[in-house]
PDB file of N, CA and C in Angstrom:
ATOM      1  N   MET A   1       2.088   5.845  10.565  1.00  0.00           N
ATOM      2  CA  MET A   1       2.161   7.180   9.991  1.00  0.00           C
ATOM      3  C   MET A   1       2.806   8.083  11.054  1.00  0.00           C
ATOM      4  N   ALA A   2       4.105   8.061  11.178  1.00  0.00           N
ATOM      5  CA  ALA A   2       4.776   8.884  12.168  1.00  0.00           C
ATOM      6  C   ALA A   2       5.260  10.214  11.560  1.00  0.00           C
ATOM      7  N   THR A   3       4.659  11.329  12.136  1.00  0.00           N
ATOM      8  CA  THR A   3       5.042  12.596  11.740  1.00  0.00           C
ATOM      9  C   THR A   3       5.350  13.485  12.909  1.00  0.00           C
ATOM     10  N   SER A   4       6.220  14.434  12.852  1.00  0.00           N
ATOM     11  CA  SER A   4       6.268  15.305  13.983  1.00  0.00           C
ATOM     12  C   SER A   4       5.190  16.310  14.031  1.00  0.00           C
ATOM     13  N   SER A   5       4.884  16.730  15.151  1.00  0.00           N
ATOM     14  CA  SER A   5       3.689  17.569  15.403  1.00  0.00           C
ATOM     15  C   SER A   5       3.818  18.910  14.693  1.00  0.00           C
ATOM     16  N   PRO A   6       2.861  19.382  13.910  1.00  0.00           N
ATOM     17  CA  PRO A   6       3.002  20.743  13.310  1.00  0.00           C
ATOM     18  C   PRO A   6       2.927  21.783  14.448  1.00  0.00           C
ATOM     19  N   HIS A   7       3.668  22.856  14.390  1.00  0.00           N
ATOM     20  CA  HIS A   7       3.647  23.964  15.321  1.00  0.00           C
ATOM     21  C   HIS A   7       3.127  25.198  14.661  1.00  0.00           C
ATOM     22  N   LEU A   8       2.812  26.137  15.515  1.00  0.00           N
ATOM     23  CA  LEU A   8       2.198  27.400  14.995  1.00  0.00           C
ATOM     24  C   LEU A   8       3.164  28.153  14.102  1.00  0.00           C
ATOM     25  N   VAL A   9       4.464  28.249  14.472  1.00  0.00           N
ATOM     26  CA  VAL A   9       5.439  28.911  13.674  1.00  0.00           C
ATOM     27  C   VAL A   9       6.704  28.023  13.575  1.00  0.00           C
ATOM     28  N   ASP A  10       6.805  27.321  12.422  1.00  0.00           N
ATOM     29  CA  ASP A  10       7.849  26.413  12.370  1.00  0.00           C
ATOM     30  C   ASP A  10       8.643  26.403  10.989  1.00  0.00           C
ATOM     31  N   SER A  11       8.041  27.101   9.998  1.00  0.00           N
ATOM     32  CA  SER A  11       8.618  27.197   8.662  1.00  0.00           C
ATOM     33  C   SER A  11       8.030  28.317   7.969  1.00  0.00           C
ATOM     34  N   SER A  12       8.487  28.599   6.679  1.00  0.00           N
ATOM     35  CA  SER A  12       7.913  29.680   5.979  1.00  0.00           C
ATOM     36  C   SER A  12       6.555  29.394   5.571  1.00  0.00           C
ATOM     37  N   MET A  13       5.763  30.515   5.260  1.00  0.00           N
ATOM     38  CA  MET A  13       4.330  30.354   4.939  1.00  0.00           C
ATOM     39  C   MET A  13       4.202  29.607   3.604  1.00  0.00           C
ATOM     40  N   PHE A  14       3.214  28.799   3.424  1.00  0.00           N
ATOM     41  CA  PHE A  14       2.947  28.088   2.173  1.00  0.00           C
ATOM     42  C   PHE A  14       2.434  29.073   1.219  1.00  0.00           C
ATOM     43  N   LEU A  15       2.975  29.026  -0.047  1.00  0.00           N
ATOM     44  CA  LEU A  15       2.661  30.001  -1.050  1.00  0.00           C
ATOM     45  C   LEU A  15       1.289  29.883  -1.682  1.00  0.00           C
ATOM     46  N   ASN A  16       0.628  28.727  -1.558  1.00  0.00           N
ATOM     47  CA  ASN A  16      -0.709  28.602  -2.098  1.00  0.00           C
ATOM     48  C   ASN A  16      -1.725  28.115  -1.012  1.00  0.00           C
ATOM     49  N   PRO A  17      -2.154  29.071  -0.169  1.00  0.00           N
ATOM     50  CA  PRO A  17      -3.010  28.566   0.963  1.00  0.00           C
ATOM     51  C   PRO A  17      -4.358  28.022   0.512  1.00  0.00           C
ATOM     52  N   VAL A  18      -4.862  28.514  -0.711  1.00  0.00           N
ATOM     53  CA  VAL A  18      -6.148  28.064  -1.200  1.00  0.00           C
ATOM     54  C   VAL A  18      -6.018  26.550  -1.565  1.00  0.00           C
ATOM     55  N   LYS A  19      -4.918  26.196  -2.167  1.00  0.00           N
ATOM     56  CA  LYS A  19      -4.773  24.769  -2.532  1.00  0.00           C
ATOM     57  C   LYS A  19      -4.611  23.921  -1.183  1.00  0.00           C
ATOM     58  N   HIS A  20      -4.005  24.461  -0.268  1.00  0.00           N
ATOM     59  CA  HIS A  20      -3.889  23.778   1.044  1.00  0.00           C
ATOM     60  C   HIS A  20      -5.258  23.546   1.664  1.00  0.00           C
ATOM     61  N   ARG A  21      -6.042  24.585   1.646  1.00  0.00           N
ATOM     62  CA  ARG A  21      -7.453  24.506   2.255  1.00  0.00           C
ATOM     63  C   ARG A  21      -8.363  23.568   1.429  1.00  0.00           C
ATOM     64  N   GLN A  22      -8.192  23.477   0.088  1.00  0.00           N
ATOM     65  CA  GLN A  22      -8.944  22.570  -0.711  1.00  0.00           C
ATOM     66  C   GLN A  22      -8.652  21.110  -0.407  1.00  0.00           C
ATOM     67  N   VAL A  23      -7.412  20.873  -0.389  1.00  0.00           N
ATOM     68  CA  VAL A  23      -6.886  19.368  -0.050  1.00  0.00           C
ATOM     69  C   VAL A  23      -7.361  19.054   1.344  1.00  0.00           C
ATOM     70  N   VAL A  24      -7.071  19.885   2.292  1.00  0.00           N
ATOM     71  CA  VAL A  24      -7.405  19.571   3.734  1.00  0.00           C
ATOM     72  C   VAL A  24      -9.008  19.442   3.900  1.00  0.00           C
ATOM     73  N   GLY A  25      -9.764  20.283   3.154  1.00  0.00           N
ATOM     74  CA  GLY A  25     -11.129  20.156   3.151  1.00  0.00           C
ATOM     75  C   GLY A  25     -11.571  18.795   2.608  1.00  0.00           C
ATOM     76  N   ALA A  26     -10.968  18.333   1.596  1.00  0.00           N
ATOM     77  CA  ALA A  26     -11.266  17.010   0.939  1.00  0.00           C
ATOM     78  C   ALA A  26     -10.943  15.947   1.900  1.00  0.00           C
ATOM     79  N   LEU A  27      -9.787  16.097   2.635  1.00  0.00           N
ATOM     80  CA  LEU A  27      -9.366  15.080   3.574  1.00  0.00           C
ATOM     81  C   LEU A  27     -10.389  14.954   4.744  1.00  0.00           C
ATOM     82  N   GLN A  28     -11.061  16.015   5.075  1.00  0.00           N
ATOM     83  CA  GLN A  28     -12.129  15.924   6.097  1.00  0.00           C
ATOM     84  C   GLN A  28     -13.213  14.856   5.752  1.00  0.00           C
ATOM     85  N   TYR A  29     -13.594  14.830   4.488  1.00  0.00           N
ATOM     86  CA  TYR A  29     -14.552  13.828   4.003  1.00  0.00           C
ATOM     87  C   TYR A  29     -14.002  12.477   4.021  1.00  0.00           C
ATOM     88  N   VAL A  30     -12.721  12.334   3.788  1.00  0.00           N
ATOM     89  CA  VAL A  30     -12.165  10.968   3.804  1.00  0.00           C
ATOM     90  C   VAL A  30     -12.133  10.412   5.207  1.00  0.00           C
ATOM     91  N   THR A  31     -12.124  11.244   6.249  1.00  0.00           N
ATOM     92  CA  THR A  31     -12.118  10.740   7.623  1.00  0.00           C
ATOM     93  C   THR A  31     -13.392   9.971   7.966  1.00  0.00           C
ATOM     94  N   LEU A  32     -14.472  10.184   7.182  1.00  0.00           N
ATOM     95  CA  LEU A  32     -15.714   9.423   7.431  1.00  0.00           C
ATOM     96  C   LEU A  32     -15.514   7.880   7.254  1.00  0.00           C
ATOM     97  N   SER A  33     -14.557   7.598   6.340  1.00  0.00           N
ATOM     98  CA  SER A  33     -14.364   6.167   6.097  1.00  0.00           C
ATOM     99  C   SER A  33     -12.955   5.671   6.507  1.00  0.00           C
ATOM    100  N   GLN A  34     -12.092   6.561   6.686  1.00  0.00           N
ATOM    101  CA  GLN A  34     -10.692   6.210   7.080  1.00  0.00           C
ATOM    102  C   GLN A  34     -10.472   6.857   8.514  1.00  0.00           C
ATOM    103  N   LEU A  35     -10.931   6.216   9.488  1.00  0.00           N
ATOM    104  CA  LEU A  35     -10.909   6.748  10.790  1.00  0.00           C
ATOM    105  C   LEU A  35      -9.563   6.885  11.382  1.00  0.00           C
ATOM    106  N   ASP A  36      -8.541   6.151  10.835  1.00  0.00           N
ATOM    107  CA  ASP A  36      -7.171   6.236  11.330  1.00  0.00           C
ATOM    108  C   ASP A  36      -6.504   7.506  11.044  1.00  0.00           C
ATOM    109  N   ILE A  37      -7.011   8.363  10.205  1.00  0.00           N
ATOM    110  CA  ILE A  37      -6.359   9.610   9.819  1.00  0.00           C
ATOM    111  C   ILE A  37      -7.099  10.823  10.422  1.00  0.00           C
ATOM    112  N   THR A  38      -8.113  10.530  11.295  1.00  0.00           N
ATOM    113  CA  THR A  38      -8.951  11.645  11.830  1.00  0.00           C
ATOM    114  C   THR A  38      -8.125  12.580  12.683  1.00  0.00           C
ATOM    115  N   TYR A  39      -7.265  12.087  13.532  1.00  0.00           N
ATOM    116  CA  TYR A  39      -6.446  13.018  14.382  1.00  0.00           C
ATOM    117  C   TYR A  39      -5.564  13.918  13.594  1.00  0.00           C
ATOM    118  N   VAL A  40      -4.770  13.290  12.666  1.00  0.00           N
ATOM    119  CA  VAL A  40      -3.829  14.160  12.027  1.00  0.00           C
ATOM    120  C   VAL A  40      -4.518  15.132  11.052  1.00  0.00           C
ATOM    121  N   VAL A  41      -5.634  14.716  10.465  1.00  0.00           N
ATOM    122  CA  VAL A  41      -6.414  15.679   9.613  1.00  0.00           C
ATOM    123  C   VAL A  41      -6.929  16.791  10.526  1.00  0.00           C
ATOM    124  N   ASN A  42      -7.352  16.507  11.670  1.00  0.00           N
ATOM    125  CA  ASN A  42      -7.829  17.524  12.607  1.00  0.00           C
ATOM    126  C   ASN A  42      -6.661  18.483  12.961  1.00  0.00           C
ATOM    127  N   LYS A  43      -5.510  18.034  13.125  1.00  0.00           N
ATOM    128  CA  LYS A  43      -4.376  18.849  13.540  1.00  0.00           C
ATOM    129  C   LYS A  43      -4.029  19.819  12.361  1.00  0.00           C
ATOM    130  N   VAL A  44      -4.073  19.294  11.053  1.00  0.00           N
ATOM    131  CA  VAL A  44      -3.675  20.260   9.989  1.00  0.00           C
ATOM    132  C   VAL A  44      -4.932  21.198   9.733  1.00  0.00           C
ATOM    133  N   CYS A  45      -6.024  20.813  10.068  1.00  0.00           N
ATOM    134  CA  CYS A  45      -7.201  21.857   9.921  1.00  0.00           C
ATOM    135  C   CYS A  45      -7.049  22.987  10.954  1.00  0.00           C
ATOM    136  N   GLN A  46      -6.336  22.775  12.002  1.00  0.00           N
ATOM    137  CA  GLN A  46      -6.205  23.879  12.990  1.00  0.00           C
ATOM    138  C   GLN A  46      -5.288  24.944  12.508  1.00  0.00           C
ATOM    139  N   PHE A  47      -4.601  24.700  11.341  1.00  0.00           N
ATOM    140  CA  PHE A  47      -3.618  25.741  10.779  1.00  0.00           C
ATOM    141  C   PHE A  47      -4.085  26.178   9.398  1.00  0.00           C
ATOM    142  N   MET A  48      -5.391  26.003   9.083  1.00  0.00           N
ATOM    143  CA  MET A  48      -5.761  26.384   7.738  1.00  0.00           C
ATOM    144  C   MET A  48      -5.781  27.920   7.469  1.00  0.00           C
ATOM    145  N   HIS A  49      -5.808  28.641   8.526  1.00  0.00           N
ATOM    146  CA  HIS A  49      -5.783  30.135   8.364  1.00  0.00           C
ATOM    147  C   HIS A  49      -4.417  30.675   7.956  1.00  0.00           C
ATOM    148  N   ALA A  50      -3.402  29.990   8.290  1.00  0.00           N
ATOM    149  CA  ALA A  50      -2.055  30.380   7.940  1.00  0.00           C
ATOM    150  C   ALA A  50      -1.090  29.189   7.821  1.00  0.00           C
ATOM    151  N   PRO A  51      -1.297  28.337   6.695  1.00  0.00           N
ATOM    152  CA  PRO A  51      -0.431  27.152   6.610  1.00  0.00           C
ATOM    153  C   PRO A  51       0.931  27.409   6.252  1.00  0.00           C
ATOM    154  N   THR A  52       1.847  26.644   6.797  1.00  0.00           N
ATOM    155  CA  THR A  52       3.308  26.755   6.503  1.00  0.00           C
ATOM    156  C   THR A  52       3.749  25.672   5.559  1.00  0.00           C
ATOM    157  N   GLU A  53       4.953  25.699   5.112  1.00  0.00           N
ATOM    158  CA  GLU A  53       5.499  24.633   4.274  1.00  0.00           C
ATOM    159  C   GLU A  53       5.434  23.309   5.045  1.00  0.00           C
ATOM    160  N   HIS A  54       5.688  23.395   6.359  1.00  0.00           N
ATOM    161  CA  HIS A  54       5.679  22.165   7.166  1.00  0.00           C
ATOM    162  C   HIS A  54       4.274  21.570   7.136  1.00  0.00           C
ATOM    163  N   HIS A  55       3.286  22.334   7.292  1.00  0.00           N
ATOM    164  CA  HIS A  55       1.915  21.810   7.222  1.00  0.00           C
ATOM    165  C   HIS A  55       1.574  21.115   5.874  1.00  0.00           C
ATOM    166  N   TRP A  56       2.022  21.786   4.754  1.00  0.00           N
ATOM    167  CA  TRP A  56       1.840  21.109   3.470  1.00  0.00           C
ATOM    168  C   TRP A  56       2.530  19.845   3.312  1.00  0.00           C
ATOM    169  N   TYR A  57       3.763  19.744   3.951  1.00  0.00           N
ATOM    170  CA  TYR A  57       4.530  18.577   3.969  1.00  0.00           C
ATOM    171  C   TYR A  57       3.782  17.429   4.682  1.00  0.00           C
ATOM    172  N   VAL A  58       3.092  17.776   5.857  1.00  0.00           N
ATOM    173  CA  VAL A  58       2.303  16.756   6.576  1.00  0.00           C
ATOM    174  C   VAL A  58       1.118  16.434   5.777  1.00  0.00           C
ATOM    175  N   VAL A  59       0.527  17.311   5.057  1.00  0.00           N
ATOM    176  CA  VAL A  59      -0.623  16.974   4.108  1.00  0.00           C
ATOM    177  C   VAL A  59      -0.289  15.972   3.091  1.00  0.00           C
ATOM    178  N   LYS A  60       0.954  16.142   2.506  1.00  0.00           N
ATOM    179  CA  LYS A  60       1.455  15.276   1.495  1.00  0.00           C
ATOM    180  C   LYS A  60       1.734  13.864   2.069  1.00  0.00           C
ATOM    181  N   ILE A  61       2.176  13.822   3.349  1.00  0.00           N
ATOM    182  CA  ILE A  61       2.396  12.497   4.081  1.00  0.00           C
ATOM    183  C   ILE A  61       1.113  11.811   4.151  1.00  0.00           C
ATOM    184  N   ILE A  62       0.088  12.504   4.536  1.00  0.00           N
ATOM    185  CA  ILE A  62      -1.336  11.909   4.690  1.00  0.00           C
ATOM    186  C   ILE A  62      -1.782  11.350   3.355  1.00  0.00           C
ATOM    187  N   LEU A  63      -1.577  12.123   2.275  1.00  0.00           N
ATOM    188  CA  LEU A  63      -1.984  11.655   0.890  1.00  0.00           C
ATOM    189  C   LEU A  63      -1.157  10.390   0.551  1.00  0.00           C
ATOM    190  N   ARG A  64       0.041  10.371   0.857  1.00  0.00           N
ATOM    191  CA  ARG A  64       0.879   9.160   0.562  1.00  0.00           C
ATOM    192  C   ARG A  64       0.357   7.983   1.316  1.00  0.00           C
ATOM    193  N   TYR A  65       0.050   8.195   2.523  1.00  0.00           N
ATOM    194  CA  TYR A  65      -0.419   7.119   3.380  1.00  0.00           C
ATOM    195  C   TYR A  65      -1.785   6.576   2.819  1.00  0.00           C
ATOM    196  N   LEU A  66      -2.685   7.517   2.439  1.00  0.00           N
ATOM    197  CA  LEU A  66      -3.902   7.024   1.816  1.00  0.00           C
ATOM    198  C   LEU A  66      -3.684   6.260   0.511  1.00  0.00           C
ATOM    199  N   HIS A  67      -2.775   6.754  -0.210  1.00  0.00           N
ATOM    200  CA  HIS A  67      -2.392   5.993  -1.493  1.00  0.00           C
ATOM    201  C   HIS A  67      -1.941   4.581  -1.176  1.00  0.00           C
ATOM    202  N   GLY A  68      -1.197   4.419  -0.144  1.00  0.00           N
ATOM    203  CA  GLY A  68      -0.647   3.062   0.255  1.00  0.00           C
ATOM    204  C   GLY A  68      -1.638   2.177   0.944  1.00  0.00           C
ATOM    205  N   THR A  69      -2.818   2.724   1.362  1.00  0.00           N
ATOM    206  CA  THR A  69      -3.776   1.930   2.059  1.00  0.00           C
ATOM    207  C   THR A  69      -5.117   2.008   1.353  1.00  0.00           C
ATOM    208  N   LEU A  70      -5.107   1.949   0.082  1.00  0.00           N
ATOM    209  CA  LEU A  70      -6.337   1.989  -0.710  1.00  0.00           C
ATOM    210  C   LEU A  70      -7.244   0.841  -0.404  1.00  0.00           C
ATOM    211  N   ASN A  71      -6.733  -0.344  -0.051  1.00  0.00           N
ATOM    212  CA  ASN A  71      -7.490  -1.541   0.135  1.00  0.00           C
ATOM    213  C   ASN A  71      -7.927  -1.707   1.617  1.00  0.00           C
ATOM    214  N   HIS A  72      -7.602  -0.680   2.468  1.00  0.00           N
ATOM    215  CA  HIS A  72      -7.970  -0.788   3.894  1.00  0.00           C
ATOM    216  C   HIS A  72      -9.219   0.139   4.077  1.00  0.00           C
ATOM    217  N   GLY A  73      -9.869  -0.069   5.107  1.00  0.00           N
ATOM    218  CA  GLY A  73     -11.041   0.712   5.470  1.00  0.00           C
ATOM    219  C   GLY A  73     -12.154  -0.055   6.109  1.00  0.00           C
ATOM    220  N   MET A  74     -13.263   0.560   6.287  1.00  0.00           N
ATOM    221  CA  MET A  74     -14.360  -0.186   7.042  1.00  0.00           C
ATOM    222  C   MET A  74     -15.512  -0.434   5.997  1.00  0.00           C
ATOM    223  N   LEU A  75     -15.993  -1.678   6.195  1.00  0.00           N
ATOM    224  CA  LEU A  75     -17.214  -2.037   5.440  1.00  0.00           C
ATOM    225  C   LEU A  75     -18.322  -2.006   6.477  1.00  0.00           C
ATOM    226  N   ILE A  76     -19.250  -1.171   6.186  1.00  0.00           N
ATOM    227  CA  ILE A  76     -20.427  -0.987   7.146  1.00  0.00           C
ATOM    228  C   ILE A  76     -21.642  -1.485   6.329  1.00  0.00           C
ATOM    229  N   ARG A  77     -22.304  -2.379   6.925  1.00  0.00           N
ATOM    230  CA  ARG A  77     -23.519  -2.889   6.180  1.00  0.00           C
ATOM    231  C   ARG A  77     -24.602  -3.203   7.202  1.00  0.00           C
ATOM    232  N   ARG A  78     -25.782  -3.115   6.682  1.00  0.00           N
ATOM    233  CA  ARG A  78     -26.946  -3.418   7.539  1.00  0.00           C
ATOM    234  C   ARG A  78     -27.162  -4.924   7.534  1.00  0.00           C
ATOM    235  N   ALA A  79     -27.160  -5.597   8.683  1.00  0.00           N
ATOM    236  CA  ALA A  79     -27.396  -7.046   8.833  1.00  0.00           C
ATOM    237  C   ALA A  79     -28.862  -7.252   9.030  1.00  0.00           C
ATOM    238  N   SER A  80     -29.607  -6.426   9.631  1.00  0.00           N
ATOM    239  CA  SER A  80     -31.053  -6.508   9.775  1.00  0.00           C
ATOM    240  C   SER A  80     -31.671  -5.118   9.834  1.00  0.00           C
ATOM    241  N   GLU A  81     -32.877  -5.002  10.041  1.00  0.00           N
ATOM    242  CA  GLU A  81     -33.574  -3.763  10.060  1.00  0.00           C
ATOM    243  C   GLU A  81     -33.081  -2.916  11.315  1.00  0.00           C
ATOM    244  N   THR A  82     -32.655  -3.494  12.375  1.00  0.00           N
ATOM    245  CA  THR A  82     -32.371  -2.753  13.584  1.00  0.00           C
ATOM    246  C   THR A  82     -30.824  -2.846  14.003  1.00  0.00           C
ATOM    247  N   THR A  83     -29.992  -3.649  13.282  1.00  0.00           N
ATOM    248  CA  THR A  83     -28.629  -3.858  13.636  1.00  0.00           C
ATOM    249  C   THR A  83     -27.720  -3.293  12.651  1.00  0.00           C
ATOM    250  N   LEU A  84     -26.696  -2.586  13.051  1.00  0.00           N
ATOM    251  CA  LEU A  84     -25.661  -2.131  12.198  1.00  0.00           C
ATOM    252  C   LEU A  84     -24.338  -2.722  12.599  1.00  0.00           C
ATOM    253  N   ARG A  85     -23.652  -3.392  11.688  1.00  0.00           N
ATOM    254  CA  ARG A  85     -22.384  -4.067  11.956  1.00  0.00           C
ATOM    255  C   ARG A  85     -21.323  -3.472  11.218  1.00  0.00           C
ATOM    256  N   ALA A  86     -20.150  -3.321  11.824  1.00  0.00           N
ATOM    257  CA  ALA A  86     -19.044  -2.766  11.061  1.00  0.00           C
ATOM    258  C   ALA A  86     -17.868  -3.777  11.193  1.00  0.00           C
ATOM    259  N   PHE A  87     -17.125  -3.930  10.140  1.00  0.00           N
ATOM    260  CA  PHE A  87     -16.002  -4.853  10.008  1.00  0.00           C
ATOM    261  C   PHE A  87     -14.817  -4.189   9.563  1.00  0.00           C
ATOM    262  N   MET A  88     -13.682  -4.303  10.202  1.00  0.00           N
ATOM    263  CA  MET A  88     -12.475  -3.720   9.778  1.00  0.00           C
ATOM    264  C   MET A  88     -11.648  -4.867   9.087  1.00  0.00           C
ATOM    265  N   ASP A  89     -11.090  -4.498   7.904  1.00  0.00           N
ATOM    266  CA  ASP A  89     -10.446  -5.628   7.140  1.00  0.00           C
ATOM    267  C   ASP A  89      -9.000  -5.820   7.480  1.00  0.00           C
ATOM    268  N   SER A  90      -8.468  -4.938   8.458  1.00  0.00           N
ATOM    269  CA  SER A  90      -7.023  -5.187   8.765  1.00  0.00           C
ATOM    270  C   SER A  90      -6.973  -5.655  10.206  1.00  0.00           C
ATOM    271  N   HIS A  91      -5.999  -6.460  10.510  1.00  0.00           N
ATOM    272  CA  HIS A  91      -5.789  -7.005  11.897  1.00  0.00           C
ATOM    273  C   HIS A  91      -6.837  -8.009  12.327  1.00  0.00           C
ATOM    274  N   TRP A  92      -7.595  -8.542  11.458  1.00  0.00           N
ATOM    275  CA  TRP A  92      -8.621  -9.577  11.806  1.00  0.00           C
ATOM    276  C   TRP A  92      -7.960 -10.917  11.597  1.00  0.00           C
ATOM    277  N   LYS A  93      -7.762 -11.656  12.628  1.00  0.00           N
ATOM    278  CA  LYS A  93      -6.990 -13.015  12.478  1.00  0.00           C
ATOM    279  C   LYS A  93      -7.933 -14.167  12.747  1.00  0.00           C
ATOM    280  N   CYS A  94      -7.732 -15.195  12.026  1.00  0.00           N
ATOM    281  CA  CYS A  94      -8.462 -16.419  12.207  1.00  0.00           C
ATOM    282  C   CYS A  94      -7.448 -17.518  12.166  1.00  0.00           C
ATOM    283  N   THR A  95      -7.344 -18.287  13.190  1.00  0.00           N
ATOM    284  CA  THR A  95      -6.320 -19.352  13.228  1.00  0.00           C
ATOM    285  C   THR A  95      -6.951 -20.604  12.571  1.00  0.00           C
ATOM    286  N   SER A  96      -6.204 -21.188  11.677  1.00  0.00           N
ATOM    287  CA  SER A  96      -6.572 -22.312  10.899  1.00  0.00           C
ATOM    288  C   SER A  96      -6.863 -23.548  11.686  1.00  0.00           C
ATOM    289  N   SER A  97      -6.074 -23.703  12.798  1.00  0.00           N
ATOM    290  CA  SER A  97      -6.174 -24.943  13.551  1.00  0.00           C
ATOM    291  C   SER A  97      -7.459 -24.952  14.476  1.00  0.00           C
ATOM    292  N   THR A  98      -7.841 -23.799  15.005  1.00  0.00           N
ATOM    293  CA  THR A  98      -8.965 -23.752  15.871  1.00  0.00           C
ATOM    294  C   THR A  98     -10.230 -23.185  15.206  1.00  0.00           C
ATOM    295  N   LYS A  99     -10.033 -22.547  14.005  1.00  0.00           N
ATOM    296  CA  LYS A  99     -11.118 -21.870  13.366  1.00  0.00           C
ATOM    297  C   LYS A  99     -11.776 -20.796  14.189  1.00  0.00           C
ATOM    298  N   LEU A 100     -11.019 -20.198  15.137  1.00  0.00           N
ATOM    299  CA  LEU A 100     -11.490 -19.190  16.020  1.00  0.00           C
ATOM    300  C   LEU A 100     -10.938 -17.901  15.600  1.00  0.00           C
ATOM    301  N   SER A 101     -11.724 -16.845  15.618  1.00  0.00           N
ATOM    302  CA  SER A 101     -11.200 -15.514  15.285  1.00  0.00           C
ATOM    303  C   SER A 101     -10.789 -14.843  16.558  1.00  0.00           C
ATOM    304  N   SER A 102      -9.773 -13.958  16.452  1.00  0.00           N
ATOM    305  CA  SER A 102      -9.382 -13.197  17.582  1.00  0.00           C
ATOM    306  C   SER A 102      -9.619 -11.705  17.327  1.00  0.00           C
ATOM    307  N   LEU A 103      -9.990 -11.049  18.389  1.00  0.00           N
ATOM    308  CA  LEU A 103     -10.239  -9.665  18.266  1.00  0.00           C
ATOM    309  C   LEU A 103      -9.100  -8.890  18.995  1.00  0.00           C
ATOM    310  N   GLU A 104      -8.559  -7.939  18.414  1.00  0.00           N
ATOM    311  CA  GLU A 104      -7.380  -7.205  18.955  1.00  0.00           C
ATOM    312  C   GLU A 104      -7.804  -5.786  19.395  1.00  0.00           C
ATOM    313  N   ALA A 105      -7.182  -5.327  20.515  1.00  0.00           N
ATOM    314  CA  ALA A 105      -7.510  -3.967  20.983  1.00  0.00           C
ATOM    315  C   ALA A 105      -6.118  -3.212  21.054  1.00  0.00           C
ATOM    316  N   PHE A 106      -6.200  -1.947  20.723  1.00  0.00           N
ATOM    317  CA  PHE A 106      -5.005  -1.116  20.745  1.00  0.00           C
ATOM    318  C   PHE A 106      -5.362   0.170  21.516  1.00  0.00           C
ATOM    319  N   SER A 107      -4.415   0.719  22.253  1.00  0.00           N
ATOM    320  CA  SER A 107      -4.640   1.970  22.925  1.00  0.00           C
ATOM    321  C   SER A 107      -3.342   2.798  22.938  1.00  0.00           C
ATOM    322  N   ASN A 108      -3.468   4.043  23.091  1.00  0.00           N
ATOM    323  CA  ASN A 108      -2.234   4.932  23.099  1.00  0.00           C
ATOM    324  C   ASN A 108      -2.669   6.244  23.859  1.00  0.00           C
ATOM    325  N   ALA A 109      -1.646   6.851  24.476  1.00  0.00           N
ATOM    326  CA  ALA A 109      -1.830   8.128  25.115  1.00  0.00           C
ATOM    327  C   ALA A 109      -0.685   9.058  24.950  1.00  0.00           C
ATOM    328  N   ASP A 110      -1.015  10.294  24.895  1.00  0.00           N
ATOM    329  CA  ASP A 110       0.081  11.347  24.751  1.00  0.00           C
ATOM    330  C   ASP A 110      -0.268  12.373  25.777  1.00  0.00           C
ATOM    331  N   TRP A 111       0.545  12.479  26.787  1.00  0.00           N
ATOM    332  CA  TRP A 111       0.355  13.355  27.910  1.00  0.00           C
ATOM    333  C   TRP A 111       0.942  14.774  27.605  1.00  0.00           C
ATOM    334  N   ALA A 112       0.087  15.626  27.191  1.00  0.00           N
ATOM    335  CA  ALA A 112       0.500  17.057  26.944  1.00  0.00           C
ATOM    336  C   ALA A 112       1.594  17.182  25.856  1.00  0.00           C
ATOM    337  N   GLY A 113       1.569  16.359  24.859  1.00  0.00           N
ATOM    338  CA  GLY A 113       2.661  16.325  23.914  1.00  0.00           C
ATOM    339  C   GLY A 113       2.596  17.377  22.825  1.00  0.00           C
ATOM    340  N   CYS A 114       1.457  18.026  22.671  1.00  0.00           N
ATOM    341  CA  CYS A 114       1.335  19.058  21.606  1.00  0.00           C
ATOM    342  C   CYS A 114       1.946  20.312  22.151  1.00  0.00           C
ATOM    343  N   LEU A 115       2.927  20.899  21.470  1.00  0.00           N
ATOM    344  CA  LEU A 115       3.699  22.034  21.989  1.00  0.00           C
ATOM    345  C   LEU A 115       2.791  23.389  21.862  1.00  0.00           C
ATOM    346  N   ASP A 116       1.736  23.252  21.054  1.00  0.00           N
ATOM    347  CA  ASP A 116       0.910  24.532  20.802  1.00  0.00           C
ATOM    348  C   ASP A 116      -0.210  24.609  21.912  1.00  0.00           C
ATOM    349  N   ASP A 117      -0.912  23.533  22.184  1.00  0.00           N
ATOM    350  CA  ASP A 117      -1.983  23.656  23.154  1.00  0.00           C
ATOM    351  C   ASP A 117      -1.866  22.823  24.455  1.00  0.00           C
ATOM    352  N   ARG A 118      -0.815  21.947  24.506  1.00  0.00           N
ATOM    353  CA  ARG A 118      -0.497  21.170  25.700  1.00  0.00           C
ATOM    354  C   ARG A 118      -1.691  20.299  26.097  1.00  0.00           C
ATOM    355  N   ILE A 119      -2.441  19.843  25.129  1.00  0.00           N
ATOM    356  CA  ILE A 119      -3.640  18.995  25.449  1.00  0.00           C
ATOM    357  C   ILE A 119      -3.146  17.542  25.510  1.00  0.00           C
ATOM    358  N   SER A 120      -3.653  16.745  26.512  1.00  0.00           N
ATOM    359  CA  SER A 120      -3.365  15.357  26.594  1.00  0.00           C
ATOM    360  C   SER A 120      -4.377  14.634  25.688  1.00  0.00           C
ATOM    361  N   MET A 121      -4.040  13.647  25.062  1.00  0.00           N
ATOM    362  CA  MET A 121      -4.826  12.871  24.090  1.00  0.00           C
ATOM    363  C   MET A 121      -4.747  11.415  24.436  1.00  0.00           C
ATOM    364  N   GLY A 122      -5.851  10.728  24.319  1.00  0.00           N
ATOM    365  CA  GLY A 122      -5.869   9.270  24.521  1.00  0.00           C
ATOM    366  C   GLY A 122      -6.833   8.738  23.525  1.00  0.00           C
ATOM    367  N   GLY A 123      -6.581   7.451  23.160  1.00  0.00           N
ATOM    368  CA  GLY A 123      -7.484   6.783  22.177  1.00  0.00           C
ATOM    369  C   GLY A 123      -7.449   5.290  22.237  1.00  0.00           C
ATOM    370  N   TYR A 124      -8.407   4.667  21.728  1.00  0.00           N
ATOM    371  CA  TYR A 124      -8.380   3.211  21.651  1.00  0.00           C
ATOM    372  C   TYR A 124      -9.259   2.752  20.442  1.00  0.00           C
ATOM    373  N   VAL A 125      -8.878   1.559  20.022  1.00  0.00           N
ATOM    374  CA  VAL A 125      -9.665   0.910  18.956  1.00  0.00           C
ATOM    375  C   VAL A 125      -9.714  -0.544  19.284  1.00  0.00           C
ATOM    376  N   ILE A 126     -10.862  -1.164  19.009  1.00  0.00           N
ATOM    377  CA  ILE A 126     -11.087  -2.629  19.205  1.00  0.00           C
ATOM    378  C   ILE A 126     -11.434  -3.217  17.860  1.00  0.00           C
TER     379      ILE A 126
END
């Protein structure tokens, strides 16, 4: 989901800011099960006071991404009274010859890439 970073003043004001706030507010709840959109939803939340057309464009990209990944997500279930296990259904590989599963790890960093706040971000997922 590659998008350019929204900026404070980058396009004309969005004509229906209430609609923008309603959709972005709903996306905040979706982040509880779709962790991969947490960062970008947080970024569009930072501009809820004065959304622009560019911010609405980014919100529509998020919605299209979610529509294309309806079968992805996390299954969280209780295995016992004291253990909580989470399974991600994408990128889990099992080789048929060895019957062994492999666990993949991903990391990324952005050094002061946001033009608005110049904050460095890093993240990882296993």
